């Protein structure tokens, strides 16, 4: 299953496909007893996708058979023991993908000439992804971080390792010649290679970067390279050989402090916007502003969801399952704002007060 959405991957997913490009979405659950029905629900929504393929006169028999085969392959690749809060299956002639999302999605099937990407974009943004680069003299590990965990990232050649020659530290201590591993030229070269690899990863997957290690390692990486110049330094050794849980526990206070600063900054920006009459709130007003590119900053509470129906010039509240209802309108607004260059921030539930879950700063 896929987890990391890069700009290049998103552009590829949005590329027009031969009809039909099928998008299948379903909510999932991480824990018992809520995940007990996930298997049945997933099979039912895939069956619904096949039913729609069968009923669509624009889909030839051969193409229907091929896309159905890719749906079955995607289904066989899903391990529900490791799912998060939502699953998205993409299937088209000659291809299929499965995405696991740390944000719930509405259950739906869409047949079009492109894949439905807005839920992926919203989940990626809500997850506030970041990188953690952990330095040691013999190993550099890259960790993929989100709101409540990190996992080891095996991209761009990471983890990087090298063999460190053994020496007699007790003898060198006796004669006063215990060198720092981070003063050796071989270590300098190792971190130059790290900088090159990191540059490639950040180019393809730009996001906030934290660097952990002994102070000497942090200083040396900045000295020999440039990729981590804007990174947040966390002087904590031993994480290059650590476990995901160990890295998360070391990073958690840093991430929580950054999230608090983010919420405070959003609150100040919204308050200033009120005074300048650049403030907008509510899903209807922000949907209209997003469509014309007026939103400069969008703030969304983490679990805010609302089902609406398009009444032409405005949105009205609806019940899930109503005819023409739109259960992922928040994700649609998020994607539209990102497309027009807005800064999108997710904040804790209740942080927006009377703004009813979603608010923004307008450009004009």
Protein backbone atom coordinates (compact mmCIF):
# COMPACT_ATOMS: atom_id res chain seq x y z
CA UNK A 1 0.00 0.00 0.00
CA UNK A 2 1.16 3.53 -0.80
CA UNK A 3 1.59 6.17 1.92
CA UNK A 4 3.80 9.04 0.66
CA UNK A 5 2.24 11.48 -1.81
CA UNK A 6 4.87 13.53 -3.64
CA UNK A 7 4.14 16.32 -6.15
CA UNK A 8 5.35 14.06 -8.98
CA UNK A 9 3.12 11.19 -7.81
CA UNK A 10 0.13 13.51 -7.53
CA UNK A 11 0.71 14.82 -11.06
CA UNK A 12 0.88 11.25 -12.36
CA UNK A 13 -2.35 10.29 -10.56
CA UNK A 14 -4.12 13.29 -12.09
CA UNK A 15 -3.08 12.36 -15.62
CA UNK A 16 -6.09 11.54 -17.84
CA UNK A 17 -6.69 7.80 -18.32
CA UNK A 18 -8.64 5.79 -20.87
CA UNK A 19 -12.19 5.56 -19.53
CA UNK A 20 -12.96 4.19 -17.02
CA UNK A 21 -10.51 5.27 -14.32
CA UNK A 22 -12.14 3.83 -11.18
CA UNK A 23 -11.69 5.32 -7.71
CA UNK A 24 -12.96 3.25 -4.77
CA UNK A 25 -12.99 4.83 -1.30
CA UNK A 26 -13.91 3.30 2.01
CA UNK A 27 -13.33 4.21 5.67
CA UNK A 28 -11.34 1.72 7.74
CA UNK A 29 -10.45 1.34 11.40
CA UNK A 30 -7.16 0.77 13.21
CA UNK A 31 -8.50 -1.04 16.26
CA UNK A 32 -10.98 -3.65 17.40
CA UNK A 33 -13.90 -3.95 17.55
CA UNK A 34 -14.46 -1.27 14.91
CA UNK A 35 -12.29 -3.00 12.29
CA UNK A 36 -14.28 -6.25 12.44
CA UNK A 37 -16.49 -5.24 9.50
CA UNK A 38 -13.78 -3.64 7.36
CA UNK A 39 -13.25 -6.75 5.24
CA UNK A 40 -16.96 -7.09 4.44
CA UNK A 41 -17.34 -3.37 3.76
CA UNK A 42 -14.30 -3.36 1.45
CA UNK A 43 -15.54 -6.32 -0.56
CA UNK A 44 -18.98 -4.73 -0.86
CA UNK A 45 -17.66 -1.43 -2.19
CA UNK A 46 -15.44 -3.23 -4.73
CA UNK A 47 -18.49 -5.27 -5.78
CA UNK A 48 -20.37 -1.99 -6.24
CA UNK A 49 -17.55 -0.73 -8.48
CA UNK A 50 -17.88 -3.86 -10.62
CA UNK A 51 -21.65 -3.42 -10.76
CA UNK A 52 -21.23 0.13 -12.04
CA UNK A 53 -18.74 -1.08 -14.64
CA UNK A 54 -21.24 -3.72 -15.76
CA UNK A 55 -24.06 -1.19 -16.02
CA UNK A 56 -22.10 1.48 -17.90
CA UNK A 57 -22.75 1.24 -21.66
CA UNK A 58 -19.64 3.32 -22.38
CA UNK A 59 -17.39 0.52 -21.05
CA UNK A 60 -16.58 -2.26 -23.49
CA UNK A 61 -16.60 -5.89 -22.37
CA UNK A 62 -12.82 -6.27 -22.71
CA UNK A 63 -12.10 -3.09 -20.79
CA UNK A 64 -14.62 -3.98 -18.08
CA UNK A 65 -12.92 -7.36 -17.64
CA UNK A 66 -9.47 -5.80 -17.43
CA UNK A 67 -10.41 -3.14 -14.89
CA UNK A 68 -12.29 -5.69 -12.79
CA UNK A 69 -9.17 -7.86 -12.77
CA UNK A 70 -7.12 -4.93 -11.46
CA UNK A 71 -9.72 -4.31 -8.75
CA UNK A 72 -9.36 -7.94 -7.66
CA UNK A 73 -5.56 -7.64 -7.61
CA UNK A 74 -5.75 -4.49 -5.53
CA UNK A 75 -8.11 -6.22 -3.10
CA UNK A 76 -5.70 -9.14 -2.71
CA UNK A 77 -2.83 -6.77 -1.84
CA UNK A 78 -4.61 -5.09 1.08
CA UNK A 79 -3.58 -6.14 4.58
CA UNK A 80 -6.32 -4.85 6.85
CA UNK A 81 -4.15 -5.55 9.89
CA UNK A 82 -2.06 -2.51 8.91
CA UNK A 83 -4.70 -0.08 7.67
CA UNK A 84 -5.24 3.40 9.04
CA UNK A 85 -8.42 5.49 8.77
CA UNK A 86 -9.21 5.23 5.07
CA UNK A 87 -8.45 3.23 1.94
CA UNK A 88 -8.43 4.37 -1.67
CA UNK A 89 -8.17 1.97 -4.62
CA UNK A 90 -7.38 3.28 -8.09
CA UNK A 91 -7.89 0.97 -11.05
CA UNK A 92 -7.76 1.64 -14.78
CA UNK A 93 -6.79 -0.32 -17.90
CA UNK A 94 -3.28 -1.63 -17.25
CA UNK A 95 -2.83 -0.41 -13.67
CA UNK A 96 -3.98 -0.29 -10.07
CA UNK A 97 -2.84 1.28 -6.80
CA UNK A 98 -3.89 1.08 -3.16
CA UNK A 99 -3.46 4.02 -0.78
CA UNK A 100 -3.76 3.90 3.00
CA UNK A 101 -4.75 7.22 4.54
CA UNK A 102 -4.49 8.55 8.08
CA UNK A 103 -7.79 10.39 7.58
CA UNK A 104 -11.26 8.99 7.10
CA UNK A 105 -12.89 9.06 3.67
CA UNK A 106 -16.52 8.73 2.58
CA UNK A 107 -17.55 5.43 1.05
CA UNK A 108 -17.96 5.98 -2.68
CA UNK A 109 -17.20 4.74 -6.18
CA UNK A 110 -16.32 7.15 -9.00
CA UNK A 111 -15.92 6.26 -12.68
CA UNK A 112 -14.21 8.99 -14.69
CA UNK A 113 -11.25 9.66 -16.98
CA UNK A 114 -9.07 10.70 -14.00
CA UNK A 115 -8.58 9.35 -10.50
CA UNK A 116 -10.19 11.13 -7.53
CA UNK A 117 -7.23 12.62 -5.63
CA UNK A 118 -8.69 15.21 -3.27
CA UNK A 119 -8.95 12.80 -0.33
CA UNK A 120 -5.27 11.89 -0.72
CA UNK A 121 -4.27 15.54 -0.81
CA UNK A 122 -6.34 16.41 2.25
CA UNK A 123 -5.06 13.40 4.22
CA UNK A 124 -1.46 14.25 3.36
CA UNK A 125 -1.91 17.86 4.46
CA UNK A 126 -3.79 16.92 7.65
CA UNK A 127 -1.04 14.46 8.53
CA UNK A 128 1.50 17.31 8.71
CA UNK A 129 4.24 15.07 7.28
CA UNK A 130 7.86 15.68 8.23
CA UNK A 131 11.24 14.00 7.89
CA UNK A 132 13.60 13.07 10.71
CA UNK A 133 17.23 12.53 9.71
CA UNK A 134 19.18 10.69 12.42
CA UNK A 135 22.99 10.89 12.29
CA UNK A 136 25.68 8.53 13.56
CA UNK A 137 29.26 8.05 12.40
CA UNK A 138 28.40 4.70 10.81
CA UNK A 139 24.71 5.07 9.91
CA UNK A 140 22.24 7.73 8.80
CA UNK A 141 18.54 6.85 9.01
CA UNK A 142 15.62 8.76 7.51
CA UNK A 143 12.27 8.57 9.27
CA UNK A 144 8.87 9.39 7.79
CA UNK A 145 6.86 11.30 10.40
CA UNK A 146 3.18 12.14 10.90
CA UNK A 147 0.87 13.32 13.66
CA UNK A 148 1.37 10.35 15.99
CA UNK A 149 4.21 8.14 14.74
CA UNK A 150 7.33 7.73 12.66
CA UNK A 151 8.32 4.88 10.37
CA UNK A 152 11.66 4.18 8.72
CA UNK A 153 11.77 5.59 5.20
CA UNK A 154 13.63 3.53 2.64
CA UNK A 155 13.87 6.12 -0.11
CA UNK A 156 16.76 7.89 -1.80
CA UNK A 157 19.26 5.24 -0.72
CA UNK A 158 18.48 5.57 3.00
CA UNK A 159 19.52 4.20 5.37
CA UNK A 160 23.16 5.00 4.56
CA UNK A 161 25.81 2.91 6.30
CA UNK A 162 29.57 2.64 6.36
CA UNK A 163 32.13 0.47 8.10
CA UNK A 164 33.97 2.20 10.93
CA UNK A 165 37.48 0.90 11.65
CA UNK A 166 37.97 -0.45 15.15
CA UNK A 167 40.44 1.27 17.43
CA UNK A 168 41.59 0.86 21.04
CA UNK A 169 39.75 3.60 22.94
CA UNK A 170 41.29 2.63 26.32
CA UNK A 171 44.82 3.05 24.93
CA UNK A 172 43.94 6.35 23.30
CA UNK A 173 42.37 7.59 26.52
CA UNK A 174 45.59 6.72 28.38
CA UNK A 175 47.72 8.74 25.98
CA UNK A 176 45.20 11.55 25.60
CA UNK A 177 44.45 10.88 21.92
CA UNK A 178 40.75 9.90 21.78
CA UNK A 179 39.54 11.46 18.50
CA UNK A 180 35.98 12.44 17.74
CA UNK A 181 34.54 10.33 14.94
CA UNK A 182 33.10 13.55 13.54
CA UNK A 183 36.56 15.05 12.97
CA UNK A 184 37.67 12.24 10.67
CA UNK A 185 37.82 12.94 6.96
CA UNK A 186 36.03 9.67 6.21
CA UNK A 187 33.13 10.79 8.37
CA UNK A 188 33.09 14.14 6.63
CA UNK A 189 32.84 12.35 3.28
CA UNK A 190 30.08 10.13 4.65
CA UNK A 191 28.03 13.17 5.63
CA UNK A 192 28.68 14.78 2.23
CA UNK A 193 27.11 11.69 0.69
CA UNK A 194 24.26 12.05 3.18
CA UNK A 195 23.73 15.65 2.08
CA UNK A 196 23.57 14.60 -1.58
CA UNK A 197 21.03 11.86 -0.85
CA UNK A 198 18.96 14.18 1.35
CA UNK A 199 18.86 16.84 -1.37
CA UNK A 200 17.35 14.31 -3.75
CA UNK A 201 14.67 13.24 -1.25
CA UNK A 202 13.70 16.82 -0.40
CA UNK A 203 13.49 17.72 -4.07
CA UNK A 204 11.00 14.91 -4.71
CA UNK A 205 9.25 15.03 -1.31
CA UNK A 206 9.55 18.54 0.17
CA UNK A 207 8.51 18.79 3.82
CA UNK A 208 9.72 20.04 7.20
CA UNK A 209 12.99 18.45 8.32
CA UNK A 210 14.32 17.62 11.78
CA UNK A 211 17.90 16.38 12.26
CA UNK A 212 18.94 14.39 15.33
CA UNK A 213 22.41 13.43 16.52
CA UNK A 214 25.28 14.46 18.74
CA UNK A 215 26.04 18.21 18.57
CA UNK A 216 29.27 17.48 16.68
CA UNK A 217 27.33 15.53 14.04
CA UNK A 218 24.74 18.29 13.62
CA UNK A 219 27.47 20.89 13.23
CA UNK A 220 29.41 18.81 10.72
CA UNK A 221 26.37 18.17 8.50
CA UNK A 222 25.77 21.92 8.25
CA UNK A 223 29.47 22.47 7.54
CA UNK A 224 29.81 19.98 4.68
CA UNK A 225 26.41 20.38 3.03
CA UNK A 226 23.44 22.62 2.40
CA UNK A 227 20.35 20.38 2.21
CA UNK A 228 19.67 20.59 5.95
CA UNK A 229 20.39 24.31 6.41
CA UNK A 230 16.80 25.14 7.32
CA UNK A 231 16.27 22.05 9.47
CA UNK A 232 15.40 22.00 13.16
CA UNK A 233 18.31 20.53 15.14
CA UNK A 234 17.44 18.05 17.89
CA UNK A 235 20.62 17.18 19.87
CA UNK A 236 19.79 13.57 20.67
CA UNK A 237 22.22 10.77 19.82
CA UNK A 238 21.55 7.08 19.25
CA UNK A 239 18.45 7.41 17.07
CA UNK A 240 20.15 6.35 13.83
CA UNK A 241 20.18 2.83 15.31
CA UNK A 242 16.87 3.29 17.14
CA UNK A 243 13.37 1.93 16.75
CA UNK A 244 10.41 3.87 15.36
CA UNK A 245 8.86 4.04 18.84
CA UNK A 246 12.12 5.30 20.35
CA UNK A 247 12.46 7.98 17.69
CA UNK A 248 8.83 9.04 18.13
CA UNK A 249 9.20 9.38 21.89
CA UNK A 250 12.30 11.53 21.41
CA UNK A 251 10.59 13.69 18.78
CA UNK A 252 7.15 13.91 20.35
CA UNK A 253 7.81 16.96 22.59
CA UNK A 254 9.39 18.78 19.64
CA UNK A 255 6.46 17.98 17.33
CA UNK A 256 3.86 18.92 19.94
CA UNK A 257 5.59 22.24 20.59
CA UNK A 258 5.63 22.95 16.83
CA UNK A 259 1.91 22.09 16.58
CA UNK A 260 1.13 24.49 19.44
CA UNK A 261 3.07 27.27 17.72
CA UNK A 262 1.19 26.51 14.50
CA UNK A 263 -2.20 26.82 16.23
CA UNK A 264 -1.21 30.08 17.91
CA UNK A 265 0.02 31.53 14.60
CA UNK A 266 -3.24 30.56 12.87
CA UNK A 267 -5.33 32.13 15.64
CA UNK A 268 -3.38 35.39 15.38
CA UNK A 269 -3.72 35.46 11.57
CA UNK A 270 -7.48 34.91 11.76
CA UNK A 271 -7.91 37.59 14.42
CA UNK A 272 -5.95 40.08 12.33
CA UNK A 273 -8.06 39.17 9.29
CA UNK A 274 -11.24 39.98 11.21
CA UNK A 275 -10.00 43.49 11.81
CA UNK A 276 -9.17 43.94 8.13
CA UNK A 277 -12.42 42.38 6.92
CA UNK A 278 -10.45 39.60 5.21
CA UNK A 279 -11.99 36.85 7.35
CA UNK A 280 -14.24 34.05 6.07
CA UNK A 281 -15.86 31.16 7.94
CA UNK A 282 -18.17 28.27 7.24
CA UNK A 283 -18.05 25.68 4.51
CA UNK A 284 -20.36 27.56 2.11
CA UNK A 285 -18.44 30.86 2.18
CA UNK A 286 -15.07 29.14 1.92
CA UNK A 287 -16.21 26.84 -0.87
CA UNK A 288 -17.22 29.88 -2.93
CA UNK A 289 -14.00 31.77 -2.09
CA UNK A 290 -11.81 28.75 -2.85
CA UNK A 291 -13.34 28.30 -6.30
CA UNK A 292 -12.22 31.79 -7.35
CA UNK A 293 -8.81 31.60 -5.67
CA UNK A 294 -9.52 34.16 -2.93
CA UNK A 295 -8.27 32.11 0.04
CA UNK A 296 -4.78 32.98 1.29
CA UNK A 297 -4.85 30.92 4.51
CA UNK A 298 -7.25 28.06 5.21
CA UNK A 299 -7.63 26.67 8.73
CA UNK A 300 -9.48 23.39 9.29
CA UNK A 301 -10.14 21.54 12.53
CA UNK A 302 -8.64 18.05 12.33
CA UNK A 303 -11.85 16.03 12.46
CA UNK A 304 -14.21 18.52 10.85
CA UNK A 305 -16.56 16.84 8.38
CA UNK A 306 -19.86 17.98 6.93
CA UNK A 307 -22.19 16.61 4.28
CA UNK A 308 -23.73 19.13 1.89
CA UNK A 309 -25.66 19.38 -1.33
CA UNK A 310 -24.89 21.86 -4.09
CA UNK A 311 -27.87 24.20 -4.57
CA UNK A 312 -26.25 26.08 -7.45
CA UNK A 313 -25.10 29.35 -5.91
CA UNK A 314 -24.52 27.95 -2.43
CA UNK A 315 -24.25 24.77 -0.36
CA UNK A 316 -26.93 23.45 1.97
CA UNK A 317 -26.56 20.88 4.73
CA UNK A 318 -27.57 17.34 3.80
CA UNK A 319 -27.66 13.86 5.27
CA UNK A 320 -25.14 11.21 4.33
CA UNK A 321 -26.56 9.13 1.51
CA UNK A 322 -28.89 11.85 0.23
CA UNK A 323 -29.14 12.17 -3.54
CA UNK A 324 -26.27 14.33 -4.87
CA UNK A 325 -24.81 14.75 -1.37
CA UNK A 326 -21.11 15.57 -1.08
CA UNK A 327 -19.50 13.99 1.96
CA UNK A 328 -15.95 15.10 1.20
CA UNK A 329 -16.60 18.79 0.55
CA UNK A 330 -13.96 19.73 3.16
CA UNK A 331 -11.33 17.72 1.29
CA UNK A 332 -12.46 19.37 -1.94
CA UNK A 333 -11.99 22.82 -0.42
CA UNK A 334 -8.55 21.85 0.91
CA UNK A 335 -7.42 20.61 -2.49
CA UNK A 336 -8.80 23.67 -4.28
CA UNK A 337 -7.06 26.03 -1.87
CA UNK A 338 -3.74 24.22 -2.31
CA UNK A 339 -4.17 24.39 -6.09
CA UNK A 340 -4.50 28.18 -5.90
CA UNK A 341 -1.46 28.64 -3.65
CA UNK A 342 -3.15 28.97 -0.25
CA UNK A 343 -1.46 28.00 2.99
CA UNK A 344 -3.56 25.17 4.49
CA UNK A 345 -3.26 24.46 8.22
CA UNK A 346 -5.01 21.78 10.27
CA UNK A 347 -5.58 22.66 13.94
CA UNK A 348 -7.02 20.75 16.93
CA UNK A 349 -10.78 20.34 17.23
CA UNK A 350 -12.35 23.36 18.90
CA UNK A 351 -9.44 25.67 18.11
CA UNK A 352 -11.52 27.78 15.72
CA UNK A 353 -14.25 28.52 18.24
CA UNK A 354 -17.38 29.98 16.65
CA UNK A 355 -15.99 29.55 13.13
CA UNK A 356 -17.69 26.14 12.99
CA UNK A 357 -14.72 23.99 12.04
CA UNK A 358 -13.33 25.88 9.07
CA UNK A 359 -12.10 29.47 8.58
CA UNK A 360 -9.85 31.42 6.31
CA UNK A 361 -7.99 34.62 5.48
CA UNK A 362 -8.94 36.09 2.11
CA UNK A 363 -6.60 37.67 -0.41
CA UNK A 364 -8.95 40.53 -1.27
